[in-house]
PDB file of N, CA and C in Angstrom:
ATOM      1  N   HIS A   1     -20.340  12.138  18.825  1.00  0.00           N
ATOM      2  CA  HIS A   1     -19.224  12.352  17.881  1.00  0.00           C
ATOM      3  C   HIS A   1     -18.943  11.403  16.853  1.00  0.00           C
ATOM      4  N   LEU A   2     -19.534  10.197  17.299  1.00  0.00           N
ATOM      5  CA  LEU A   2     -19.301   9.035  16.336  1.00  0.00           C
ATOM      6  C   LEU A   2     -19.930   9.152  15.049  1.00  0.00           C
ATOM      7  N   PHE A   3     -20.965   9.864  14.809  1.00  0.00           N
ATOM      8  CA  PHE A   3     -21.774  10.252  13.693  1.00  0.00           C
ATOM      9  C   PHE A   3     -21.465  11.583  13.208  1.00  0.00           C
ATOM     10  N   GLU A   4     -20.403  12.196  13.345  1.00  0.00           N
ATOM     11  CA  GLU A   4     -20.320  13.548  13.019  1.00  0.00           C
ATOM     12  C   GLU A   4     -19.820  13.775  11.418  1.00  0.00           C
ATOM     13  N   GLY A   5     -19.336  12.702  10.925  1.00  0.00           N
ATOM     14  CA  GLY A   5     -18.823  12.923   9.537  1.00  0.00           C
ATOM     15  C   GLY A   5     -17.470  12.967   9.332  1.00  0.00           C
ATOM     16  N   PRO A   6     -17.098  12.741   8.115  1.00  0.00           N
ATOM     17  CA  PRO A   6     -15.528  12.691   8.034  1.00  0.00           C
ATOM     18  C   PRO A   6     -14.853  14.031   8.262  1.00  0.00           C
ATOM     19  N   GLU A   7     -15.530  15.104   7.918  1.00  0.00           N
ATOM     20  CA  GLU A   7     -14.882  16.514   8.320  1.00  0.00           C
ATOM     21  C   GLU A   7     -14.668  16.632   9.696  1.00  0.00           C
ATOM     22  N   GLY A   8     -15.549  16.313  10.437  1.00  0.00           N
ATOM     23  CA  GLY A   8     -15.581  16.490  12.169  1.00  0.00           C
ATOM     24  C   GLY A   8     -14.497  15.681  12.634  1.00  0.00           C
ATOM     25  N   LEU A   9     -14.442  14.451  12.339  1.00  0.00           N
ATOM     26  CA  LEU A   9     -13.388  13.525  12.684  1.00  0.00           C
ATOM     27  C   LEU A   9     -12.073  13.962  12.271  1.00  0.00           C
ATOM     28  N   ALA A  10     -12.019  14.400  10.974  1.00  0.00           N
ATOM     29  CA  ALA A  10     -10.522  14.841  10.538  1.00  0.00           C
ATOM     30  C   ALA A  10     -10.212  16.091  11.439  1.00  0.00           C
ATOM     31  N   ALA A  11     -11.253  17.007  11.630  1.00  0.00           N
ATOM     32  CA  ALA A  11     -10.751  18.216  12.399  1.00  0.00           C
ATOM     33  C   ALA A  11     -10.343  17.842  13.871  1.00  0.00           C
ATOM     34  N   ARG A  12     -10.841  16.842  14.401  1.00  0.00           N
ATOM     35  CA  ARG A  12     -10.745  16.259  15.908  1.00  0.00           C
ATOM     36  C   ARG A  12      -9.153  15.836  15.878  1.00  0.00           C
ATOM     37  N   LEU A  13      -8.955  15.014  14.800  1.00  0.00           N
ATOM     38  CA  LEU A  13      -7.513  14.338  14.754  1.00  0.00           C
ATOM     39  C   LEU A  13      -6.608  15.205  14.435  1.00  0.00           C
ATOM     40  N   VAL A  14      -6.798  16.594  13.641  1.00  0.00           N
ATOM     41  CA  VAL A  14      -5.929  17.414  13.620  1.00  0.00           C
ATOM     42  C   VAL A  14      -5.659  18.251  14.865  1.00  0.00           C
ATOM     43  N   ALA A  15      -6.737  18.389  15.523  1.00  0.00           N
ATOM     44  CA  ALA A  15      -6.588  18.965  16.920  1.00  0.00           C
ATOM     45  C   ALA A  15      -5.878  18.348  18.028  1.00  0.00           C
ATOM     46  N   GLU A  16      -5.919  16.887  17.748  1.00  0.00           N
ATOM     47  CA  GLU A  16      -5.213  15.945  18.712  1.00  0.00           C
ATOM     48  C   GLU A  16      -3.641  15.891  18.180  1.00  0.00           C
ATOM     49  N   GLY A  17      -3.394  16.430  17.086  1.00  0.00           N
ATOM     50  CA  GLY A  17      -2.000  16.259  16.582  1.00  0.00           C
ATOM     51  C   GLY A  17      -1.697  15.067  15.958  1.00  0.00           C
ATOM     52  N   LEU A  18      -2.684  14.336  15.458  1.00  0.00           N
ATOM     53  CA  LEU A  18      -2.711  13.076  14.986  1.00  0.00           C
ATOM     54  C   LEU A  18      -2.763  13.010  13.487  1.00  0.00           C
ATOM     55  N   LEU A  19      -3.144  14.015  12.970  1.00  0.00           N
ATOM     56  CA  LEU A  19      -3.539  14.244  11.413  1.00  0.00           C
ATOM     57  C   LEU A  19      -2.847  15.539  11.002  1.00  0.00           C
ATOM     58  N   SER A  20      -2.404  15.787   9.703  1.00  0.00           N
ATOM     59  CA  SER A  20      -2.232  17.063   9.316  1.00  0.00           C
ATOM     60  C   SER A  20      -2.920  17.149   7.946  1.00  0.00           C
ATOM     61  N   ARG A  21      -3.338  18.338   7.592  1.00  0.00           N
ATOM     62  CA  ARG A  21      -4.331  18.542   6.507  1.00  0.00           C
ATOM     63  C   ARG A  21      -3.846  19.630   5.750  1.00  0.00           C
ATOM     64  N   SER A  22      -3.834  19.559   4.352  1.00  0.00           N
ATOM     65  CA  SER A  22      -3.283  20.613   3.575  1.00  0.00           C
ATOM     66  C   SER A  22      -4.178  20.474   2.397  1.00  0.00           C
ATOM     67  N   GLU A  23      -4.291  21.915   1.633  1.00  0.00           N
ATOM     68  CA  GLU A  23      -5.089  21.959   0.415  1.00  0.00           C
ATOM     69  C   GLU A  23      -4.102  21.655  -0.834  1.00  0.00           C
ATOM     70  N   ASP A  24      -4.684  21.084  -1.786  1.00  0.00           N
ATOM     71  CA  ASP A  24      -3.842  20.902  -3.098  1.00  0.00           C
ATOM     72  C   ASP A  24      -3.678  22.232  -3.746  1.00  0.00           C
ATOM     73  N   GLU A  25      -2.517  22.613  -4.110  1.00  0.00           N
ATOM     74  CA  GLU A  25      -2.127  23.995  -4.696  1.00  0.00           C
ATOM     75  C   GLU A  25      -2.614  24.060  -6.134  1.00  0.00           C
ATOM     76  N   ASN A  26      -3.166  22.973  -6.698  1.00  0.00           N
ATOM     77  CA  ASN A  26      -3.672  23.025  -8.280  1.00  0.00           C
ATOM     78  C   ASN A  26      -5.353  22.902  -8.151  1.00  0.00           C
ATOM     79  N   ASP A  27      -5.721  22.405  -7.040  1.00  0.00           N
ATOM     80  CA  ASP A  27      -7.212  22.370  -7.012  1.00  0.00           C
ATOM     81  C   ASP A  27      -7.676  22.467  -5.764  1.00  0.00           C
ATOM     82  N   ARG A  28      -8.179  23.753  -5.306  1.00  0.00           N
ATOM     83  CA  ARG A  28      -8.801  24.092  -3.837  1.00  0.00           C
ATOM     84  C   ARG A  28      -9.759  23.075  -3.562  1.00  0.00           C
ATOM     85  N   ARG A  29     -10.591  22.246  -4.324  1.00  0.00           N
ATOM     86  CA  ARG A  29     -11.510  21.563  -3.928  1.00  0.00           C
ATOM     87  C   ARG A  29     -11.042  20.103  -3.053  1.00  0.00           C
ATOM     88  N   LEU A  30      -9.725  19.923  -3.389  1.00  0.00           N
ATOM     89  CA  LEU A  30      -8.954  18.674  -2.664  1.00  0.00           C
ATOM     90  C   LEU A  30      -8.347  19.273  -1.474  1.00  0.00           C
ATOM     91  N   ARG A  31      -8.337  18.193  -0.437  1.00  0.00           N
ATOM     92  CA  ARG A  31      -7.644  18.348   0.602  1.00  0.00           C
ATOM     93  C   ARG A  31      -6.911  17.018   0.983  1.00  0.00           C
ATOM     94  N   ARG A  32      -5.659  17.179   1.228  1.00  0.00           N
ATOM     95  CA  ARG A  32      -4.846  15.983   1.547  1.00  0.00           C
ATOM     96  C   ARG A  32      -4.655  15.943   2.920  1.00  0.00           C
ATOM     97  N   VAL A  33      -4.672  14.648   3.475  1.00  0.00           N
ATOM     98  CA  VAL A  33      -4.660  14.448   4.929  1.00  0.00           C
ATOM     99  C   VAL A  33      -3.420  13.301   5.008  1.00  0.00           C
ATOM    100  N   ARG A  34      -2.743  13.342   6.145  1.00  0.00           N
ATOM    101  CA  ARG A  34      -1.459  12.560   6.447  1.00  0.00           C
ATOM    102  C   ARG A  34      -1.324  12.320   7.885  1.00  0.00           C
ATOM    103  N   LEU A  35      -1.203  11.059   8.209  1.00  0.00           N
ATOM    104  CA  LEU A  35      -0.875  10.697   9.792  1.00  0.00           C
ATOM    105  C   LEU A  35       0.347  11.651  10.069  1.00  0.00           C
ATOM    106  N   THR A  36       0.276  12.208  11.146  1.00  0.00           N
ATOM    107  CA  THR A  36       1.675  12.901  11.823  1.00  0.00           C
ATOM    108  C   THR A  36       2.520  11.689  12.374  1.00  0.00           C
ATOM    109  N   ASP A  37       3.755  12.069  12.903  1.00  0.00           N
ATOM    110  CA  ASP A  37       4.537  10.917  13.572  1.00  0.00           C
ATOM    111  C   ASP A  37       3.761  10.417  14.847  1.00  0.00           C
ATOM    112  N   ALA A  38       3.109  11.392  15.307  1.00  0.00           N
ATOM    113  CA  ALA A  38       2.270  10.772  16.725  1.00  0.00           C
ATOM    114  C   ALA A  38       1.091   9.877  16.200  1.00  0.00           C
ATOM    115  N   GLY A  39       0.525  10.303  15.016  1.00  0.00           N
ATOM    116  CA  GLY A  39      -0.751   9.571  14.601  1.00  0.00           C
ATOM    117  C   GLY A  39      -0.221   8.138  13.990  1.00  0.00           C
ATOM    118  N   THR A  40       0.866   8.182  13.387  1.00  0.00           N
ATOM    119  CA  THR A  40       1.199   6.826  13.004  1.00  0.00           C
ATOM    120  C   THR A  40       1.858   6.049  14.179  1.00  0.00           C
ATOM    121  N   ARG A  41       2.390   6.506  15.286  1.00  0.00           N
ATOM    122  CA  ARG A  41       2.603   5.719  16.657  1.00  0.00           C
ATOM    123  C   ARG A  41       1.203   5.302  17.126  1.00  0.00           C
ATOM    124  N   GLN A  42       0.178   6.278  17.088  1.00  0.00           N
ATOM    125  CA  GLN A  42      -1.040   5.806  17.650  1.00  0.00           C
ATOM    126  C   GLN A  42      -1.684   4.620  16.878  1.00  0.00           C
ATOM    127  N   PHE A  43      -1.609   4.747  15.711  1.00  0.00           N
ATOM    128  CA  PHE A  43      -2.058   3.721  14.688  1.00  0.00           C
ATOM    129  C   PHE A  43      -1.603   2.441  14.863  1.00  0.00           C
ATOM    130  N   ARG A  44      -0.330   2.314  15.002  1.00  0.00           N
ATOM    131  CA  ARG A  44       0.412   1.104  15.201  1.00  0.00           C
ATOM    132  C   ARG A  44       0.171   0.515  16.588  1.00  0.00           C
ATOM    133  N   ARG A  45       0.005   1.555  17.624  1.00  0.00           N
ATOM    134  CA  ARG A  45      -0.410   0.650  18.971  1.00  0.00           C
ATOM    135  C   ARG A  45      -1.912   0.300  18.828  1.00  0.00           C
ATOM    136  N   MET A  46      -2.723   0.829  18.074  1.00  0.00           N
ATOM    137  CA  MET A  46      -4.233   0.436  18.000  1.00  0.00           C
ATOM    138  C   MET A  46      -4.132  -0.890  17.031  1.00  0.00           C
ATOM    139  N   ALA A  47      -3.301  -0.970  16.079  1.00  0.00           N
ATOM    140  CA  ALA A  47      -3.151  -2.010  15.200  1.00  0.00           C
ATOM    141  C   ALA A  47      -2.660  -3.357  15.904  1.00  0.00           C
ATOM    142  N   ARG A  48      -1.750  -2.923  16.871  1.00  0.00           N
ATOM    143  CA  ARG A  48      -1.193  -4.178  17.520  1.00  0.00           C
ATOM    144  C   ARG A  48      -2.304  -4.762  18.449  1.00  0.00           C
ATOM    145  N   ALA A  49      -2.937  -3.820  19.159  1.00  0.00           N
ATOM    146  CA  ALA A  49      -4.145  -4.242  20.046  1.00  0.00           C
ATOM    147  C   ALA A  49      -5.227  -4.872  19.227  1.00  0.00           C
ATOM    148  N   HIS A  50      -5.647  -4.441  18.295  1.00  0.00           N
ATOM    149  CA  HIS A  50      -6.441  -5.143  17.335  1.00  0.00           C
ATOM    150  C   HIS A  50      -6.207  -6.643  17.003  1.00  0.00           C
ATOM    151  N   GLU A  51      -4.792  -6.567  16.488  1.00  0.00           N
ATOM    152  CA  GLU A  51      -4.338  -8.016  16.141  1.00  0.00           C
ATOM    153  C   GLU A  51      -4.281  -8.889  17.484  1.00  0.00           C
ATOM    154  N   ASP A  52      -3.948  -8.423  18.563  1.00  0.00           N
ATOM    155  CA  ASP A  52      -4.106  -9.245  19.910  1.00  0.00           C
ATOM    156  C   ASP A  52      -5.407  -9.589  20.129  1.00  0.00           C
ATOM    157  N   TRP A  53      -6.307  -8.870  19.821  1.00  0.00           N
ATOM    158  CA  TRP A  53      -7.945  -9.155  20.071  1.00  0.00           C
ATOM    159  C   TRP A  53      -8.252 -10.037  19.104  1.00  0.00           C
ATOM    160  N   ILE A  54      -7.955 -10.064  17.963  1.00  0.00           N
ATOM    161  CA  ILE A  54      -8.267 -11.175  16.945  1.00  0.00           C
ATOM    162  C   ILE A  54      -7.729 -12.439  17.261  1.00  0.00           C
ATOM    163  N   ALA A  55      -6.375 -12.466  17.638  1.00  0.00           N
ATOM    164  CA  ALA A  55      -5.630 -13.601  18.046  1.00  0.00           C
ATOM    165  C   ALA A  55      -6.396 -14.325  19.038  1.00  0.00           C
ATOM    166  N   ASP A  56      -6.966 -13.508  20.168  1.00  0.00           N
ATOM    167  CA  ASP A  56      -7.467 -14.102  21.288  1.00  0.00           C
ATOM    168  C   ASP A  56      -8.933 -14.798  20.882  1.00  0.00           C
ATOM    169  N   LEU A  57      -9.523 -13.920  20.083  1.00  0.00           N
ATOM    170  CA  LEU A  57     -10.847 -14.328  19.498  1.00  0.00           C
ATOM    171  C   LEU A  57     -10.833 -15.564  18.806  1.00  0.00           C
ATOM    172  N   LEU A  58      -9.885 -15.855  17.973  1.00  0.00           N
ATOM    173  CA  LEU A  58      -9.755 -16.942  17.041  1.00  0.00           C
ATOM    174  C   LEU A  58      -8.882 -18.010  17.631  1.00  0.00           C
ATOM    175  N   GLY A  59      -8.196 -17.611  18.725  1.00  0.00           N
ATOM    176  CA  GLY A  59      -7.109 -18.675  19.287  1.00  0.00           C
ATOM    177  C   GLY A  59      -7.671 -20.047  19.628  1.00  0.00           C
ATOM    178  N   GLY A  60      -8.916 -20.294  19.939  1.00  0.00           N
ATOM    179  CA  GLY A  60      -9.212 -21.597  20.297  1.00  0.00           C
ATOM    180  C   GLY A  60      -9.970 -22.354  19.092  1.00  0.00           C
ATOM    181  N   LEU A  61      -9.968 -21.683  17.798  1.00  0.00           N
ATOM    182  CA  LEU A  61     -10.362 -22.389  16.692  1.00  0.00           C
ATOM    183  C   LEU A  61      -9.241 -23.183  15.917  1.00  0.00           C
ATOM    184  N   ARG A  62      -9.572 -24.222  15.377  1.00  0.00           N
ATOM    185  CA  ARG A  62      -8.549 -25.060  14.499  1.00  0.00           C
ATOM    186  C   ARG A  62      -8.234 -24.022  13.213  1.00  0.00           C
ATOM    187  N   PRO A  63      -7.203 -24.163  12.767  1.00  0.00           N
ATOM    188  CA  PRO A  63      -6.721 -23.441  11.541  1.00  0.00           C
ATOM    189  C   PRO A  63      -7.822 -23.590  10.401  1.00  0.00           C
ATOM    190  N   ALA A  64      -8.315 -24.765  10.232  1.00  0.00           N
ATOM    191  CA  ALA A  64      -9.320 -25.039   9.180  1.00  0.00           C
ATOM    192  C   ALA A  64     -10.484 -24.179   9.334  1.00  0.00           C
ATOM    193  N   ASP A  65     -10.914 -23.963  10.558  1.00  0.00           N
ATOM    194  CA  ASP A  65     -12.053 -23.070  10.955  1.00  0.00           C
ATOM    195  C   ASP A  65     -11.673 -21.597  10.693  1.00  0.00           C
ATOM    196  N   VAL A  66     -10.595 -21.315  10.869  1.00  0.00           N
ATOM    197  CA  VAL A  66     -10.103 -19.849  10.800  1.00  0.00           C
ATOM    198  C   VAL A  66     -10.095 -19.373   9.142  1.00  0.00           C
ATOM    199  N   ALA A  67      -9.651 -20.194   8.603  1.00  0.00           N
ATOM    200  CA  ALA A  67      -9.326 -19.737   7.157  1.00  0.00           C
ATOM    201  C   ALA A  67     -10.651 -19.236   6.496  1.00  0.00           C
ATOM    202  N   PRO A  68     -11.814 -19.781   6.481  1.00  0.00           N
ATOM    203  CA  PRO A  68     -12.944 -19.318   5.955  1.00  0.00           C
ATOM    204  C   PRO A  68     -13.473 -17.914   6.427  1.00  0.00           C
ATOM    205  N   LEU A  69     -12.825 -17.585   7.749  1.00  0.00           N
ATOM    206  CA  LEU A  69     -13.357 -16.459   8.272  1.00  0.00           C
ATOM    207  C   LEU A  69     -12.492 -15.330   7.677  1.00  0.00           C
ATOM    208  N   MET A  70     -11.152 -15.624   7.317  1.00  0.00           N
ATOM    209  CA  MET A  70     -10.424 -14.708   6.776  1.00  0.00           C
ATOM    210  C   MET A  70     -10.703 -14.286   5.461  1.00  0.00           C
TER     211      MET A  70
END
């Protein structure tokens, strides 16, 4: 599943209710994707977990050592 491409990933997120997808009314080649409310909540949870992981990872370093990594 990891390498199924953007269309497969988008379809899975739509099926899980995390993403909505619509066609552009002026150009049928375009598809618009947007996080649903549930998708936004899930993203925020994941972002907080990621931020905590980064803080733990870099927590033992001095600020002068962290700056070049950012």
